[in-house]
C-alpha cells in the first residue's frame, strides 16, 4: 500500500523503491546506454574505415536490441560482481571496519572486474550482432571511450558550477 510515509526521507518502503527502480530508473538507464552503444558502433565503423556498404561493417542494433544487450550485460556483470565481492570478502581483501568498507580493496576488485566486464560485453555483442569477437571488442572499447569522455565533461561541468557558486 502506498502511503505518505514513503515520501519521508529515510522511511522509504522497500517495495516502492524496487518498483521505482524497475519501472523508472532501469528503462531510462538502458535507453541512455543503448544510445551510447549505437554511437560506439558508429564510431568504431568510422575508426575502422568501413564504408556504408562494406560487408565488414558492424551493424547498429535497434534501440530495443541495444537495450536487451545492455540488460544481459548488466545481469552477467552483477553475477560476476557478486562472486568477486564474495571472494574478496571471504579472503579478507575487503575489510569492513568502524569507518565502513575499505576503499582500497573495493577499488582493487573493481579494477579486476573491468577486463572481465569488457570480455563479457564483447561476447554478448558478438553473439547478438552479426560480427566477430574482435570487432565487438573494438565496439566496446569505443563505448568505454565515449563513457569516459562523458564522465570528464560532466565532472568538469559539476566542478565549474561548484566553483562558480562558491559552495564549500
N, C-alpha and C. Protein backbone atom coordinates (compact mmCIF):
# COMPACT_ATOMS: atom_id res chain seq x y z
N UNK A 1 0.85 -1.18 0.00
CA UNK A 1 0.00 0.00 0.00
C UNK A 1 0.88 1.23 0.00
N UNK A 2 0.59 2.15 -0.86
CA UNK A 2 1.32 3.40 -0.91
C UNK A 2 0.70 4.39 0.07
N UNK A 3 1.55 4.98 0.88
CA UNK A 3 1.06 5.99 1.81
C UNK A 3 2.07 7.13 1.90
N UNK A 4 1.74 8.14 2.70
CA UNK A 4 2.59 9.33 2.76
C UNK A 4 3.94 9.07 3.42
N UNK A 5 4.09 7.98 4.18
CA UNK A 5 5.37 7.73 4.84
C UNK A 5 6.47 7.40 3.83
N UNK A 6 6.08 7.02 2.60
CA UNK A 6 7.09 6.74 1.58
C UNK A 6 7.80 8.01 1.13
N UNK A 7 7.16 9.15 1.31
CA UNK A 7 7.74 10.40 0.86
C UNK A 7 8.73 10.99 1.87
N UNK A 8 8.74 10.48 3.09
CA UNK A 8 9.63 10.99 4.11
C UNK A 8 11.01 10.38 3.90
N UNK A 9 12.03 11.24 3.91
CA UNK A 9 13.39 10.75 3.73
C UNK A 9 13.75 9.78 4.84
N UNK A 10 14.32 8.68 4.50
CA UNK A 10 14.75 7.70 5.49
C UNK A 10 13.67 6.71 5.86
N UNK A 11 12.44 6.90 5.39
CA UNK A 11 11.35 5.99 5.71
C UNK A 11 10.80 5.36 4.43
N UNK A 12 11.67 5.03 3.51
CA UNK A 12 11.23 4.51 2.22
C UNK A 12 10.74 3.09 2.35
N UNK A 13 9.68 2.82 1.63
CA UNK A 13 9.14 1.47 1.56
C UNK A 13 10.00 0.70 0.56
N UNK A 14 10.59 -0.43 0.97
CA UNK A 14 11.47 -1.16 0.04
C UNK A 14 10.77 -1.61 -1.24
N UNK A 15 9.49 -1.94 -1.15
CA UNK A 15 8.76 -2.36 -2.33
C UNK A 15 8.61 -1.19 -3.30
N UNK A 16 8.33 -0.02 -2.77
CA UNK A 16 8.19 1.17 -3.62
C UNK A 16 9.51 1.54 -4.26
N UNK A 17 10.60 1.40 -3.52
CA UNK A 17 11.92 1.70 -4.08
C UNK A 17 12.24 0.75 -5.22
N UNK A 18 12.00 -0.54 -5.02
CA UNK A 18 12.26 -1.52 -6.09
C UNK A 18 11.36 -1.26 -7.30
N UNK A 19 10.10 -0.92 -7.03
CA UNK A 19 9.18 -0.62 -8.12
C UNK A 19 9.65 0.59 -8.91
N UNK A 20 10.11 1.61 -8.21
CA UNK A 20 10.62 2.81 -8.88
C UNK A 20 11.86 2.48 -9.70
N UNK A 21 12.76 1.67 -9.13
CA UNK A 21 13.97 1.30 -9.86
C UNK A 21 13.64 0.51 -11.12
N UNK A 22 12.72 -0.44 -11.02
CA UNK A 22 12.40 -1.28 -12.16
C UNK A 22 11.59 -0.56 -13.22
N UNK A 23 10.71 0.34 -12.81
CA UNK A 23 9.79 0.97 -13.76
C UNK A 23 10.36 2.27 -14.33
N UNK A 24 11.16 2.99 -13.55
CA UNK A 24 11.62 4.31 -13.99
C UNK A 24 13.12 4.31 -14.32
N UNK A 25 13.93 3.94 -13.35
CA UNK A 25 15.38 4.10 -13.49
C UNK A 25 15.97 3.11 -14.50
N UNK A 26 15.58 1.86 -14.44
CA UNK A 26 16.14 0.85 -15.34
C UNK A 26 15.86 1.16 -16.82
N UNK A 27 14.62 1.45 -17.22
CA UNK A 27 14.41 1.77 -18.64
C UNK A 27 15.14 3.02 -19.10
N UNK A 28 15.21 4.04 -18.26
CA UNK A 28 15.91 5.26 -18.66
C UNK A 28 17.41 4.98 -18.80
N UNK A 29 17.96 4.24 -17.86
CA UNK A 29 19.38 3.88 -17.94
C UNK A 29 19.68 3.03 -19.16
N UNK A 30 18.81 2.06 -19.46
CA UNK A 30 19.01 1.22 -20.63
C UNK A 30 18.87 2.03 -21.92
N UNK A 31 17.96 2.98 -21.93
CA UNK A 31 17.79 3.82 -23.11
C UNK A 31 19.02 4.68 -23.36
N UNK A 32 19.55 5.28 -22.31
CA UNK A 32 20.78 6.08 -22.45
C UNK A 32 21.93 5.18 -22.90
N UNK A 33 22.03 4.00 -22.30
CA UNK A 33 23.08 3.06 -22.69
C UNK A 33 22.96 2.60 -24.13
N UNK A 34 21.72 2.42 -24.61
CA UNK A 34 21.52 2.00 -26.00
C UNK A 34 21.94 3.10 -26.97
N UNK A 35 21.68 4.35 -26.61
CA UNK A 35 22.13 5.46 -27.45
C UNK A 35 23.66 5.48 -27.51
N UNK A 36 24.30 5.29 -26.36
CA UNK A 36 25.77 5.26 -26.32
C UNK A 36 26.30 4.06 -27.11
N UNK A 37 25.62 2.91 -27.02
CA UNK A 37 26.04 1.73 -27.77
C UNK A 37 25.95 1.98 -29.27
N UNK A 38 24.87 2.58 -29.72
CA UNK A 38 24.73 2.89 -31.15
C UNK A 38 25.81 3.88 -31.60
N UNK A 39 26.11 4.85 -30.74
CA UNK A 39 27.17 5.81 -31.07
C UNK A 39 28.53 5.12 -31.13
N UNK A 40 28.75 4.15 -30.24
CA UNK A 40 30.04 3.45 -30.24
C UNK A 40 30.18 2.55 -31.46
N UNK A 41 29.09 1.96 -31.92
CA UNK A 41 29.15 1.17 -33.15
C UNK A 41 29.48 2.07 -34.33
N UNK A 42 28.84 3.22 -34.40
CA UNK A 42 29.11 4.17 -35.47
C UNK A 42 30.56 4.66 -35.42
N UNK A 43 31.03 4.98 -34.21
CA UNK A 43 32.41 5.45 -34.05
C UNK A 43 33.41 4.36 -34.45
N UNK A 44 33.14 3.11 -34.06
CA UNK A 44 34.03 2.03 -34.44
C UNK A 44 34.09 1.86 -35.95
N UNK A 45 32.94 1.92 -36.60
CA UNK A 45 32.92 1.78 -38.06
C UNK A 45 33.70 2.90 -38.73
N UNK A 46 33.64 4.09 -38.17
CA UNK A 46 34.43 5.20 -38.73
C UNK A 46 35.91 5.00 -38.48
N UNK A 47 36.28 4.59 -37.25
CA UNK A 47 37.69 4.33 -36.94
C UNK A 47 38.26 3.22 -37.80
N UNK A 48 37.47 2.18 -38.04
CA UNK A 48 37.94 1.04 -38.83
C UNK A 48 37.94 1.34 -40.32
N UNK A 49 37.32 2.44 -40.73
CA UNK A 49 37.32 2.81 -42.14
C UNK A 49 36.34 2.03 -42.98
N UNK A 50 35.30 1.48 -42.36
CA UNK A 50 34.30 0.71 -43.11
C UNK A 50 33.31 1.67 -43.76
N UNK A 51 33.07 1.47 -45.06
CA UNK A 51 32.08 2.26 -45.78
C UNK A 51 30.68 1.78 -45.41
N UNK A 52 29.69 2.56 -45.87
CA UNK A 52 28.29 2.21 -45.59
C UNK A 52 27.91 0.85 -46.17
N UNK A 53 28.51 0.48 -47.29
CA UNK A 53 28.14 -0.76 -47.94
C UNK A 53 29.17 -1.88 -47.72
N UNK A 54 30.08 -1.70 -46.79
CA UNK A 54 31.10 -2.72 -46.52
C UNK A 54 30.48 -3.91 -45.81
N UNK A 55 30.92 -5.10 -46.20
CA UNK A 55 30.38 -6.29 -45.56
C UNK A 55 31.01 -6.53 -44.19
N UNK A 56 32.10 -5.84 -43.89
CA UNK A 56 32.77 -5.97 -42.60
C UNK A 56 32.21 -5.01 -41.56
N UNK A 57 31.37 -4.11 -41.98
CA UNK A 57 30.80 -3.10 -41.10
C UNK A 57 29.97 -3.75 -39.99
N UNK A 58 30.09 -3.24 -38.77
CA UNK A 58 29.27 -3.72 -37.66
C UNK A 58 27.93 -2.99 -37.75
N UNK A 59 26.82 -3.74 -37.85
CA UNK A 59 25.52 -3.07 -37.96
C UNK A 59 25.08 -2.48 -36.62
N UNK A 60 24.46 -1.32 -36.70
CA UNK A 60 23.94 -0.71 -35.47
C UNK A 60 22.71 -1.47 -35.01
N UNK A 61 22.65 -1.81 -33.74
CA UNK A 61 21.46 -2.51 -33.24
C UNK A 61 20.30 -1.53 -33.12
N UNK A 62 19.10 -2.07 -33.17
CA UNK A 62 17.94 -1.22 -32.91
C UNK A 62 17.97 -0.81 -31.44
N UNK A 63 17.17 0.17 -31.07
CA UNK A 63 17.17 0.63 -29.68
C UNK A 63 16.76 -0.50 -28.75
N UNK A 64 15.75 -1.27 -29.13
CA UNK A 64 15.27 -2.35 -28.28
C UNK A 64 16.32 -3.46 -28.16
N UNK A 65 16.97 -3.81 -29.26
CA UNK A 65 18.03 -4.82 -29.20
C UNK A 65 19.21 -4.32 -28.38
N UNK A 66 19.55 -3.05 -28.52
CA UNK A 66 20.63 -2.47 -27.73
C UNK A 66 20.31 -2.50 -26.24
N UNK A 67 19.07 -2.19 -25.90
CA UNK A 67 18.66 -2.24 -24.50
C UNK A 67 18.72 -3.67 -23.97
N UNK A 68 18.34 -4.63 -24.81
CA UNK A 68 18.41 -6.03 -24.40
C UNK A 68 19.84 -6.49 -24.18
N UNK A 69 20.74 -6.08 -25.05
CA UNK A 69 22.15 -6.43 -24.88
C UNK A 69 22.71 -5.84 -23.60
N UNK A 70 22.35 -4.60 -23.33
CA UNK A 70 22.82 -3.95 -22.11
C UNK A 70 22.23 -4.61 -20.86
N UNK A 71 20.97 -5.03 -20.94
CA UNK A 71 20.36 -5.71 -19.80
C UNK A 71 21.05 -7.04 -19.53
N UNK A 72 21.33 -7.81 -20.58
CA UNK A 72 22.06 -9.06 -20.41
C UNK A 72 23.45 -8.83 -19.82
N UNK A 73 24.12 -7.80 -20.31
CA UNK A 73 25.44 -7.47 -19.80
C UNK A 73 25.37 -7.06 -18.33
N UNK A 74 24.36 -6.30 -17.98
CA UNK A 74 24.20 -5.87 -16.59
C UNK A 74 23.97 -7.06 -15.67
N UNK A 75 23.12 -7.99 -16.10
CA UNK A 75 22.85 -9.18 -15.28
C UNK A 75 24.11 -10.02 -15.14
N UNK A 76 24.83 -10.24 -16.24
CA UNK A 76 26.06 -11.05 -16.18
C UNK A 76 27.11 -10.38 -15.31
N UNK A 77 27.26 -9.07 -15.43
CA UNK A 77 28.24 -8.36 -14.62
C UNK A 77 27.84 -8.31 -13.15
N UNK A 78 26.54 -8.27 -12.87
CA UNK A 78 26.08 -8.30 -11.48
C UNK A 78 26.40 -9.64 -10.85
N UNK A 79 26.20 -10.72 -11.60
CA UNK A 79 26.53 -12.05 -11.07
C UNK A 79 28.03 -12.14 -10.82
N UNK A 80 28.84 -11.69 -11.79
CA UNK A 80 30.29 -11.74 -11.60
C UNK A 80 30.72 -10.83 -10.45
N UNK A 81 30.12 -9.65 -10.35
CA UNK A 81 30.45 -8.73 -9.27
C UNK A 81 30.11 -9.30 -7.91
N UNK A 82 28.97 -10.00 -7.83
CA UNK A 82 28.61 -10.65 -6.57
C UNK A 82 29.63 -11.72 -6.21
N UNK A 83 30.02 -12.53 -7.20
CA UNK A 83 31.00 -13.59 -6.94
C UNK A 83 32.35 -13.02 -6.52
N UNK A 84 32.83 -12.01 -7.22
CA UNK A 84 34.13 -11.43 -6.90
C UNK A 84 34.08 -10.72 -5.54
N UNK A 85 32.93 -10.12 -5.22
CA UNK A 85 32.77 -9.49 -3.91
C UNK A 85 32.74 -10.51 -2.79
N UNK A 86 32.08 -11.64 -3.05
CA UNK A 86 32.04 -12.70 -2.04
C UNK A 86 33.43 -13.28 -1.83
N UNK A 87 34.17 -13.46 -2.91
CA UNK A 87 35.54 -13.97 -2.78
C UNK A 87 36.41 -12.95 -2.06
N UNK A 88 36.24 -11.67 -2.41
CA UNK A 88 37.01 -10.62 -1.75
C UNK A 88 36.69 -10.53 -0.27
N UNK A 89 35.44 -10.71 0.09
CA UNK A 89 35.07 -10.69 1.50
C UNK A 89 35.57 -11.90 2.25
N UNK A 90 35.52 -13.07 1.59
CA UNK A 90 35.96 -14.30 2.25
C UNK A 90 37.47 -14.34 2.42
N UNK A 91 38.20 -13.75 1.50
CA UNK A 91 39.66 -13.78 1.58
C UNK A 91 40.23 -12.61 2.37
N UNK A 92 39.39 -11.67 2.74
CA UNK A 92 39.86 -10.53 3.52
C UNK A 92 40.34 -9.37 2.69
N UNK A 93 40.10 -9.40 1.37
CA UNK A 93 40.50 -8.26 0.54
C UNK A 93 39.65 -7.04 0.84
N UNK A 94 38.40 -7.27 1.19
CA UNK A 94 37.50 -6.18 1.56
C UNK A 94 37.35 -6.22 3.07
N UNK A 95 37.84 -5.21 3.73
CA UNK A 95 37.74 -5.11 5.18
C UNK A 95 36.65 -4.11 5.54
N UNK A 96 35.82 -4.49 6.48
CA UNK A 96 34.78 -3.59 6.97
C UNK A 96 35.13 -3.25 8.40
N UNK A 97 35.30 -1.97 8.64
CA UNK A 97 35.64 -1.51 9.97
C UNK A 97 34.67 -0.46 10.44
N UNK A 98 35.05 0.25 11.49
CA UNK A 98 34.15 1.30 12.01
C UNK A 98 33.90 2.42 11.00
N UNK A 99 34.84 2.65 10.10
CA UNK A 99 34.67 3.70 9.08
C UNK A 99 33.90 3.20 7.87
N UNK A 100 33.58 1.94 7.81
CA UNK A 100 32.88 1.37 6.66
C UNK A 100 33.79 0.45 5.88
N UNK A 101 33.48 0.30 4.61
CA UNK A 101 34.23 -0.59 3.74
C UNK A 101 35.57 0.05 3.38
N UNK A 102 36.63 -0.77 3.39
CA UNK A 102 37.96 -0.31 2.97
C UNK A 102 37.92 -0.01 1.47
N UNK A 103 38.15 1.23 1.12
CA UNK A 103 38.05 1.65 -0.28
C UNK A 103 39.16 1.08 -1.16
N UNK A 104 40.30 0.78 -0.59
CA UNK A 104 41.40 0.23 -1.39
C UNK A 104 41.07 -1.15 -1.92
N UNK A 105 40.54 -2.02 -1.08
CA UNK A 105 40.16 -3.36 -1.52
C UNK A 105 39.01 -3.33 -2.50
N UNK A 106 38.07 -2.43 -2.26
CA UNK A 106 36.93 -2.30 -3.16
C UNK A 106 37.39 -1.81 -4.54
N UNK A 107 38.31 -0.86 -4.56
CA UNK A 107 38.83 -0.34 -5.83
C UNK A 107 39.61 -1.43 -6.56
N UNK A 108 40.37 -2.23 -5.84
CA UNK A 108 41.11 -3.32 -6.46
C UNK A 108 40.17 -4.33 -7.11
N UNK A 109 39.08 -4.67 -6.43
CA UNK A 109 38.13 -5.61 -7.01
C UNK A 109 37.42 -5.01 -8.23
N UNK A 110 37.15 -3.71 -8.19
CA UNK A 110 36.56 -3.06 -9.36
C UNK A 110 37.51 -3.09 -10.55
N UNK A 111 38.80 -2.88 -10.30
CA UNK A 111 39.78 -2.92 -11.38
C UNK A 111 39.93 -4.34 -11.93
N UNK A 112 39.81 -5.35 -11.07
CA UNK A 112 39.89 -6.73 -11.52
C UNK A 112 38.68 -7.06 -12.39
N UNK A 113 37.52 -6.53 -12.04
CA UNK A 113 36.31 -6.87 -12.79
C UNK A 113 36.20 -6.12 -14.11
N UNK A 114 36.97 -5.06 -14.31
CA UNK A 114 36.86 -4.27 -15.55
C UNK A 114 37.20 -5.09 -16.80
N UNK A 115 38.32 -5.82 -16.85
CA UNK A 115 38.58 -6.60 -18.06
C UNK A 115 37.57 -7.74 -18.26
N UNK A 116 37.07 -8.29 -17.16
CA UNK A 116 36.07 -9.35 -17.29
C UNK A 116 34.78 -8.77 -17.86
N UNK A 117 34.41 -7.60 -17.41
CA UNK A 117 33.23 -6.91 -17.94
C UNK A 117 33.41 -6.61 -19.43
N UNK A 118 34.62 -6.22 -19.81
CA UNK A 118 34.94 -5.96 -21.21
C UNK A 118 34.72 -7.21 -22.06
N UNK A 119 35.21 -8.34 -21.59
CA UNK A 119 35.08 -9.60 -22.34
C UNK A 119 33.62 -10.06 -22.37
N UNK A 120 32.91 -9.91 -21.25
CA UNK A 120 31.50 -10.32 -21.21
C UNK A 120 30.69 -9.53 -22.23
N UNK A 121 30.85 -8.21 -22.24
CA UNK A 121 30.05 -7.41 -23.17
C UNK A 121 30.47 -7.65 -24.61
N UNK A 122 31.76 -7.89 -24.85
CA UNK A 122 32.21 -8.22 -26.21
C UNK A 122 31.59 -9.53 -26.67
N UNK A 123 31.51 -10.51 -25.78
CA UNK A 123 30.90 -11.80 -26.14
C UNK A 123 29.41 -11.64 -26.42
N UNK A 124 28.74 -10.82 -25.62
CA UNK A 124 27.31 -10.59 -25.85
C UNK A 124 27.09 -9.89 -27.20
N UNK A 125 27.90 -8.89 -27.49
CA UNK A 125 27.77 -8.19 -28.77
C UNK A 125 28.04 -9.11 -29.95
N UNK A 126 29.09 -9.93 -29.85
CA UNK A 126 29.43 -10.80 -30.98
C UNK A 126 28.39 -11.91 -31.16
N UNK A 127 27.68 -12.26 -30.10
CA UNK A 127 26.65 -13.29 -30.25
C UNK A 127 25.31 -12.72 -30.71
N UNK A 128 25.06 -11.45 -30.43
CA UNK A 128 23.75 -10.87 -30.78
C UNK A 128 23.80 -9.99 -32.03
N UNK A 129 24.98 -9.64 -32.48
CA UNK A 129 25.14 -8.90 -33.73
C UNK A 129 25.93 -9.76 -34.71
N UNK A 130 25.68 -9.61 -36.00
CA UNK A 130 26.45 -10.39 -36.97
C UNK A 130 27.86 -9.79 -37.15
N UNK A 131 28.71 -10.03 -36.16
CA UNK A 131 30.07 -9.51 -36.21
C UNK A 131 30.99 -10.48 -35.48
N UNK A 132 32.29 -10.25 -35.64
CA UNK A 132 33.26 -11.11 -34.98
C UNK A 132 33.55 -10.60 -33.57
N UNK A 133 34.20 -11.45 -32.79
CA UNK A 133 34.54 -11.07 -31.42
C UNK A 133 35.53 -9.91 -31.40
N UNK A 134 36.47 -9.90 -32.34
CA UNK A 134 37.46 -8.81 -32.40
C UNK A 134 36.79 -7.48 -32.70
N UNK A 135 35.85 -7.46 -33.61
CA UNK A 135 35.13 -6.21 -33.90
C UNK A 135 34.26 -5.79 -32.72
N UNK A 136 33.67 -6.76 -32.05
CA UNK A 136 32.86 -6.44 -30.86
C UNK A 136 33.74 -5.83 -29.77
N UNK A 137 34.98 -6.32 -29.65
CA UNK A 137 35.90 -5.73 -28.68
C UNK A 137 36.20 -4.28 -29.06
N UNK A 138 36.31 -4.00 -30.33
CA UNK A 138 36.52 -2.62 -30.77
C UNK A 138 35.34 -1.72 -30.45
N UNK A 139 34.14 -2.26 -30.60
CA UNK A 139 32.93 -1.50 -30.27
C UNK A 139 32.89 -1.21 -28.77
N UNK A 140 33.21 -2.20 -27.97
CA UNK A 140 33.20 -2.00 -26.50
C UNK A 140 34.27 -1.00 -26.10
N UNK A 141 35.42 -1.05 -26.74
CA UNK A 141 36.46 -0.06 -26.46
C UNK A 141 35.99 1.34 -26.81
N UNK A 142 35.32 1.49 -27.94
CA UNK A 142 34.75 2.80 -28.30
C UNK A 142 33.70 3.22 -27.29
N UNK A 143 32.93 2.28 -26.79
CA UNK A 143 31.93 2.61 -25.78
C UNK A 143 32.61 3.10 -24.50
N UNK A 144 33.67 2.45 -24.09
CA UNK A 144 34.41 2.89 -22.90
C UNK A 144 34.96 4.30 -23.11
N UNK A 145 35.46 4.59 -24.33
CA UNK A 145 35.99 5.93 -24.62
C UNK A 145 34.89 6.99 -24.56
N UNK A 146 33.72 6.67 -25.09
CA UNK A 146 32.60 7.62 -25.06
C UNK A 146 32.16 7.87 -23.62
N UNK A 147 32.04 6.82 -22.84
CA UNK A 147 31.62 6.96 -21.44
C UNK A 147 32.67 7.75 -20.66
N UNK A 148 33.93 7.50 -20.91
CA UNK A 148 34.99 8.25 -20.23
C UNK A 148 34.92 9.74 -20.60
N UNK A 149 34.71 10.02 -21.88
CA UNK A 149 34.59 11.43 -22.31
C UNK A 149 33.38 12.10 -21.68
N UNK A 150 32.26 11.39 -21.62
CA UNK A 150 31.07 11.94 -20.97
C UNK A 150 31.30 12.19 -19.49
N UNK A 151 31.99 11.26 -18.82
CA UNK A 151 32.27 11.43 -17.39
C UNK A 151 33.16 12.64 -17.15
N UNK A 152 34.14 12.84 -18.02
CA UNK A 152 35.03 14.00 -17.88
C UNK A 152 34.25 15.30 -18.09
N UNK A 153 33.40 15.34 -19.10
CA UNK A 153 32.61 16.54 -19.37
C UNK A 153 31.65 16.83 -18.22
N UNK A 154 30.95 15.83 -17.74
CA UNK A 154 30.01 16.03 -16.64
C UNK A 154 30.75 16.43 -15.37
N UNK A 155 31.88 15.78 -15.09
CA UNK A 155 32.68 16.15 -13.93
C UNK A 155 33.19 17.58 -14.02
N UNK A 156 33.62 17.98 -15.20
CA UNK A 156 34.09 19.36 -15.39
C UNK A 156 32.95 20.36 -15.20
N UNK A 157 31.77 20.04 -15.72
CA UNK A 157 30.62 20.92 -15.53
C UNK A 157 30.24 21.05 -14.06
N UNK A 158 30.24 19.95 -13.34
CA UNK A 158 29.94 19.99 -11.90
C UNK A 158 30.99 20.82 -11.18
N UNK A 159 32.24 20.62 -11.52
CA UNK A 159 33.33 21.39 -10.90
C UNK A 159 33.15 22.88 -11.15
N UNK A 160 32.83 23.25 -12.40
CA UNK A 160 32.65 24.66 -12.73
C UNK A 160 31.45 25.27 -12.00
N UNK A 161 30.38 24.51 -11.87
CA UNK A 161 29.21 25.01 -11.15
C UNK A 161 29.53 25.19 -9.68
N UNK A 162 30.24 24.25 -9.09
CA UNK A 162 30.62 24.36 -7.68
C UNK A 162 31.56 25.55 -7.47
N UNK A 163 32.49 25.73 -8.38
CA UNK A 163 33.41 26.86 -8.25
C UNK A 163 32.69 28.19 -8.47
N UNK A 164 31.75 28.22 -9.40
CA UNK A 164 31.03 29.47 -9.70
C UNK A 164 30.09 29.87 -8.56
N UNK A 165 29.50 28.89 -7.91
CA UNK A 165 28.57 29.22 -6.83
C UNK A 165 29.28 29.43 -5.51
N UNK A 166 30.54 29.06 -5.44
CA UNK A 166 31.31 29.23 -4.21
C UNK A 166 30.90 28.27 -3.12
N UNK A 167 30.31 27.14 -3.50
CA UNK A 167 29.90 26.15 -2.50
C UNK A 167 31.14 25.48 -1.91
N UNK A 168 31.08 25.25 -0.62
CA UNK A 168 32.21 24.59 0.05
C UNK A 168 31.97 23.14 0.21
